[in-house]
Amino acid sequence: MTKTLIVYYSRTNHTQKVAELIAQGVGANIERILDVTSREGAFGYMLSGQQAMLQRPGRIQPVKADPSHYDLTILGAPVWSWSLSPPMRSYVIAQKHKFKRVAFFCTEGASGGARLFRQLQTLCGKTPVATLEVTEGELKSGDYASKVQEFIQQISGVTTSAVPQSEHKGL
């Protein structure tokens, strides 16, 4: 069985919900990127968007998992100003030489995922085996489990488990 690591950044826990469902479905290890910068309140929100738009890395706490020990690294991030979040940008810059294969997922208000995926692909220097976009509306309604299952099927050449249908409600 393929050894899979999911690394994600989540300010509002939306990306965390998707990361946990994917991890359940593929039996992956999971690591949350922790930001050093406060992104709370209106000022934190504006700072986050500005840094993302300018494609600036953020400051993150040290990570524990070494992606070189995994066959597949799945990277998950929210879309901020149609761009990659600064904490995830920092992680990818520091770890990209350790990725064997990658897949990407993002959470978004309504758009921006395609641009975020291009940014991740450029930073990683690797083409993803699969991508997944989940909107805020899908998260609120719980209608994202089928998309997660499709994502897992896309990476089935790398990993073979599926998401149990009954597990997606209540995340």
Protein backbone atom coordinates (compact mmCIF):
# COMPACT_ATOMS: atom_id res chain seq x y z
CA MET A 1 0.00 0.00 0.00
CA THR A 2 1.15 3.50 -0.82
CA LYS A 3 2.29 5.68 2.04
CA THR A 4 0.41 8.99 1.88
CA LEU A 5 0.85 12.26 3.76
CA ILE A 6 -1.70 15.05 3.78
CA VAL A 7 -0.34 18.47 4.67
CA TYR A 8 -2.80 21.32 4.92
CA TYR A 9 -3.23 24.86 6.18
CA SER A 10 -6.62 25.99 7.49
CA ARG A 11 -7.48 29.34 9.04
CA THR A 12 -11.23 28.70 9.43
CA ASN A 13 -11.17 24.87 9.62
CA HIS A 14 -12.85 24.47 6.22
CA THR A 15 -9.71 23.00 4.68
CA GLN A 16 -9.29 20.83 7.77
CA LYS A 17 -12.70 19.19 7.18
CA VAL A 18 -11.71 18.18 3.66
CA ALA A 19 -8.23 17.03 4.77
CA GLU A 20 -9.73 14.79 7.46
CA LEU A 21 -12.20 13.20 5.04
CA ILE A 22 -9.45 12.49 2.51
CA ALA A 23 -7.21 11.07 5.24
CA GLN A 24 -10.03 8.76 6.34
CA GLY A 25 -10.54 7.58 2.79
CA VAL A 26 -6.91 6.83 1.96
CA GLY A 27 -5.54 5.94 5.38
CA ALA A 28 -3.10 8.84 5.23
CA ASN A 29 -1.04 10.51 7.90
CA ILE A 30 -2.03 14.13 8.34
CA GLU A 31 -0.22 17.28 9.41
CA ARG A 32 -1.61 20.76 9.90
CA ILE A 33 0.64 23.69 9.11
CA LEU A 34 0.63 26.13 12.00
CA ASP A 35 1.04 29.81 11.22
CA VAL A 36 3.21 32.08 13.36
CA THR A 37 1.38 35.23 12.13
CA SER A 38 -1.94 36.13 13.73
CA ARG A 39 -4.63 36.18 11.05
CA GLU A 40 -7.57 36.90 13.36
CA GLY A 41 -10.08 39.68 12.86
CA ALA A 42 -10.46 42.19 10.05
CA PHE A 43 -6.79 43.20 10.05
CA GLY A 44 -5.65 39.57 9.90
CA TYR A 45 -8.07 38.91 7.04
CA MET A 46 -6.78 41.91 5.03
CA LEU A 47 -3.13 41.05 5.76
CA SER A 48 -3.72 37.47 4.61
CA GLY A 49 -5.28 38.54 1.34
CA GLN A 50 -2.55 41.06 0.62
CA GLN A 51 0.28 38.60 1.34
CA ALA A 52 -1.40 35.94 -0.81
CA MET A 53 -1.98 38.33 -3.70
CA LEU A 54 1.68 39.43 -3.59
CA GLN A 55 2.70 35.74 -3.38
CA ARG A 56 4.69 36.23 -0.20
CA PRO A 57 5.56 33.28 2.02
CA GLY A 58 4.44 33.34 5.62
CA ARG A 59 6.15 32.21 8.79
CA ILE A 60 5.20 28.76 10.01
CA GLN A 61 6.05 26.54 12.94
CA PRO A 62 8.37 23.60 12.26
CA VAL A 63 6.63 20.55 10.80
CA LYS A 64 7.02 17.01 12.13
CA ALA A 65 6.42 14.76 9.11
CA ASP A 66 9.12 14.33 6.46
CA PRO A 67 7.50 14.10 3.01
CA SER A 68 10.48 12.15 1.66
CA HIS A 69 9.19 9.17 3.69
CA TYR A 70 5.94 9.14 1.68
CA ASP A 71 5.06 8.04 -1.85
CA LEU A 72 2.39 10.73 -2.21
CA THR A 73 2.04 14.13 -0.55
CA ILE A 74 -1.40 15.73 -0.76
CA LEU A 75 -1.29 19.49 -0.25
CA GLY A 76 -4.41 21.37 0.88
CA ALA A 77 -4.98 25.09 1.26
CA PRO A 78 -7.66 27.76 1.18
CA VAL A 79 -7.83 30.16 -1.74
CA TRP A 80 -6.99 33.68 -0.59
CA SER A 81 -7.28 36.49 -3.17
CA TRP A 82 -7.27 33.85 -5.93
CA SER A 83 -3.86 32.69 -4.64
CA LEU A 84 -2.05 30.24 -2.41
CA SER A 85 -2.04 31.09 1.30
CA PRO A 86 1.34 32.34 2.62
CA PRO A 87 1.70 29.51 5.20
CA MET A 88 1.29 26.81 2.51
CA ARG A 89 3.64 28.73 0.20
CA SER A 90 6.31 28.63 2.93
CA TYR A 91 5.82 24.91 3.47
CA VAL A 92 6.10 24.07 -0.23
CA ILE A 93 9.20 26.24 -0.69
CA ALA A 94 10.91 24.47 2.22
CA GLN A 95 9.81 20.90 1.41
CA LYS A 96 9.39 20.70 -2.39
CA HIS A 97 12.63 18.79 -2.96
CA LYS A 98 11.23 15.99 -0.76
CA PHE A 99 8.00 15.37 -2.72
CA LYS A 100 7.86 12.19 -4.79
CA ARG A 101 4.31 12.63 -6.13
CA VAL A 102 1.77 15.32 -5.29
CA ALA A 103 -1.97 15.92 -5.37
CA PHE A 104 -3.69 19.20 -4.50
CA PHE A 105 -6.97 20.26 -2.96
CA CYS A 106 -8.37 23.63 -2.00
CA THR A 107 -11.34 25.25 -0.35
CA GLU A 108 -12.71 28.45 -1.83
CA GLY A 109 -15.54 30.92 -1.68
CA ALA A 110 -16.50 30.31 -5.30
CA SER A 111 -13.40 30.48 -7.49
CA GLY A 112 -9.62 30.68 -7.61
CA GLY A 113 -8.72 27.02 -7.35
CA ALA A 114 -7.28 26.69 -10.86
CA ARG A 115 -4.88 29.58 -10.23
CA LEU A 116 -3.90 28.17 -6.83
CA PHE A 117 -3.19 24.78 -8.45
CA ARG A 118 -0.96 26.43 -11.09
CA GLN A 119 0.94 28.22 -8.31
CA LEU A 120 1.40 24.96 -6.40
CA GLN A 121 2.51 23.11 -9.52
CA THR A 122 5.08 25.82 -10.30
CA LEU A 123 6.38 25.87 -6.72
CA CYS A 124 6.56 22.06 -6.49
CA GLY A 125 7.95 21.57 -9.98
CA LYS A 126 5.59 18.58 -10.25
CA THR A 127 2.33 17.87 -12.01
CA PRO A 128 -0.35 16.72 -9.55
CA VAL A 129 -1.85 13.25 -9.93
CA ALA A 130 -5.22 14.80 -9.00
CA THR A 131 -6.83 18.07 -7.89
CA LEU A 132 -9.96 18.86 -5.90
CA GLU A 133 -11.83 22.16 -5.41
CA VAL A 134 -14.47 22.42 -2.68
CA THR A 135 -16.58 25.57 -2.38
CA GLU A 136 -17.84 27.14 0.82
CA GLY A 137 -21.40 26.32 -0.25
CA GLU A 138 -20.53 22.63 -0.64
CA LEU A 139 -18.92 22.65 2.80
CA LYS A 140 -21.96 24.25 4.43
CA SER A 141 -24.40 21.86 2.77
CA GLY A 142 -22.21 18.77 3.28
CA ASP A 143 -22.32 18.07 -0.46
CA TYR A 144 -18.61 17.56 -0.93
CA ALA A 145 -18.15 13.88 -0.04
CA SER A 146 -18.82 12.73 -3.60
CA LYS A 147 -16.17 15.13 -4.89
CA VAL A 148 -13.73 13.77 -2.32
CA GLN A 149 -14.53 10.25 -3.46
CA GLU A 150 -13.82 11.21 -7.09
CA PHE A 151 -10.51 12.75 -5.97
CA ILE A 152 -9.58 9.53 -4.19
CA GLN A 153 -10.47 7.52 -7.30
CA GLN A 154 -8.20 9.79 -9.35
CA ILE A 155 -5.30 8.99 -7.06
CA SER A 156 -6.23 5.30 -7.04
CA GLY A 157 -3.15 4.48 -9.10
CA VAL A 158 -1.14 5.80 -6.18
CA THR A 159 -3.42 4.71 -3.32
CA THR A 160 -6.44 2.40 -3.33
CA SER A 161 -8.86 3.11 -0.44
CA ALA A 162 -12.22 4.86 -0.81
CA VAL A 163 -14.19 7.25 1.37
CA PRO A 164 -17.07 5.61 3.20
CA GLN A 165 -20.29 7.44 2.13
CA SER A 166 -21.72 7.49 5.65
CA GLU A 167 -18.67 9.26 7.10
CA HIS A 168 -19.07 12.71 5.49
CA LYS A 169 -21.92 14.21 7.54
CA GLY A 170 -21.19 16.16 10.66
CA LEU A 171 -17.60 17.12 9.92
